[in-house]
């Protein structure tokens, strides 16, 4: 159920998005994270098709966190905040 909720939340963000680059990265991160959830919860026949489902799920979560970092860095840059001195 959590995966379905995240996918629906991603769809809502795309529906009301304001054409900002950081929002695209944030929505992509949510989608990749929900794919990681599907692998980590052994959704459907995933363990049969992908025997290394745990490694794939963990890698998707790592990729999602990289996308979140890019998103928040772009947001801070658009607001004029300095992230590093």
Protein backbone atom coordinates (compact mmCIF):
# COMPACT_ATOMS: atom_id res chain seq x y z
CA UNK A 1 0.00 0.00 0.00
CA UNK A 2 2.87 2.37 0.73
CA UNK A 3 4.16 1.99 -2.82
CA UNK A 4 0.78 2.84 -4.31
CA UNK A 5 0.53 5.93 -2.09
CA UNK A 6 3.94 7.21 -3.20
CA UNK A 7 3.10 6.65 -6.86
CA UNK A 8 -0.17 8.55 -6.41
CA UNK A 9 1.66 11.37 -4.62
CA UNK A 10 4.12 11.56 -7.50
CA UNK A 11 1.21 11.82 -9.95
CA UNK A 12 -0.33 14.63 -7.89
CA UNK A 13 2.96 16.54 -7.88
CA UNK A 14 3.18 16.22 -11.67
CA UNK A 15 -0.42 17.45 -11.94
CA UNK A 16 0.24 20.64 -9.97
CA UNK A 17 3.90 21.16 -10.84
CA UNK A 18 5.02 24.70 -11.60
CA UNK A 19 7.59 23.80 -14.22
CA UNK A 20 10.47 24.14 -11.78
CA UNK A 21 13.51 21.97 -12.32
CA UNK A 22 13.81 21.00 -8.64
CA UNK A 23 10.20 19.71 -8.64
CA UNK A 24 10.97 17.36 -11.52
CA UNK A 25 13.93 15.92 -9.61
CA UNK A 26 11.83 15.56 -6.44
CA UNK A 27 9.05 13.75 -8.32
CA UNK A 28 11.58 11.50 -10.04
CA UNK A 29 13.12 10.71 -6.64
CA UNK A 30 9.71 9.72 -5.26
CA UNK A 31 9.09 7.46 -8.23
CA UNK A 32 12.50 5.78 -7.96
CA UNK A 33 11.97 5.39 -4.22
CA UNK A 34 8.62 3.67 -4.80
CA UNK A 35 10.32 1.31 -7.23
CA UNK A 36 12.83 0.56 -4.47
CA UNK A 37 9.90 -0.16 -2.16
CA UNK A 38 8.51 -2.67 -4.64
CA UNK A 39 11.81 -4.53 -4.71
CA UNK A 40 12.37 -4.40 -0.95
CA UNK A 41 8.87 -5.71 -0.14
CA UNK A 42 9.21 -8.52 -2.69
CA UNK A 43 6.20 -7.28 -4.64
CA UNK A 44 4.61 -9.92 -6.87
CA UNK A 45 7.05 -12.15 -8.73
CA UNK A 46 10.07 -9.89 -8.26
CA UNK A 47 12.10 -12.47 -6.24
CA UNK A 48 11.60 -15.04 -9.00
CA UNK A 49 12.59 -12.68 -11.80
CA UNK A 50 15.36 -10.79 -9.94
CA UNK A 51 17.18 -13.02 -7.43
CA UNK A 52 19.23 -10.01 -6.21
CA UNK A 53 16.09 -8.02 -5.39
CA UNK A 54 17.55 -6.64 -2.14
CA UNK A 55 20.61 -5.16 -3.85
CA UNK A 56 18.47 -3.70 -6.62
CA UNK A 57 16.07 -2.16 -4.06
CA UNK A 58 18.92 -0.69 -2.01
CA UNK A 59 20.50 0.73 -5.18
CA UNK A 60 17.20 2.35 -6.16
CA UNK A 61 16.94 3.94 -2.71
CA UNK A 62 20.49 5.28 -3.08
CA UNK A 63 19.64 6.72 -6.50
CA UNK A 64 16.50 8.32 -5.03
CA UNK A 65 18.54 10.00 -2.31
CA UNK A 66 20.95 11.38 -4.91
CA UNK A 67 17.95 12.81 -6.78
CA UNK A 68 16.64 14.36 -3.53
CA UNK A 69 20.04 15.99 -2.91
CA UNK A 70 20.04 17.43 -6.43
CA UNK A 71 16.46 18.64 -5.98
CA UNK A 72 17.09 20.44 -2.71
CA UNK A 73 20.35 21.90 -4.00
CA UNK A 74 18.50 23.36 -6.99
CA UNK A 75 15.76 24.68 -4.71
CA UNK A 76 18.28 26.37 -2.43
CA UNK A 77 20.11 27.83 -5.42
CA UNK A 78 16.87 29.22 -6.86
CA UNK A 79 16.12 30.92 -3.52
CA UNK A 80 19.60 32.41 -3.34
CA UNK A 81 20.84 30.37 -0.37
CA UNK A 82 24.49 29.45 -0.13
CA UNK A 83 25.00 25.79 0.67
CA UNK A 84 28.76 25.86 1.11
CA UNK A 85 31.02 28.70 2.15
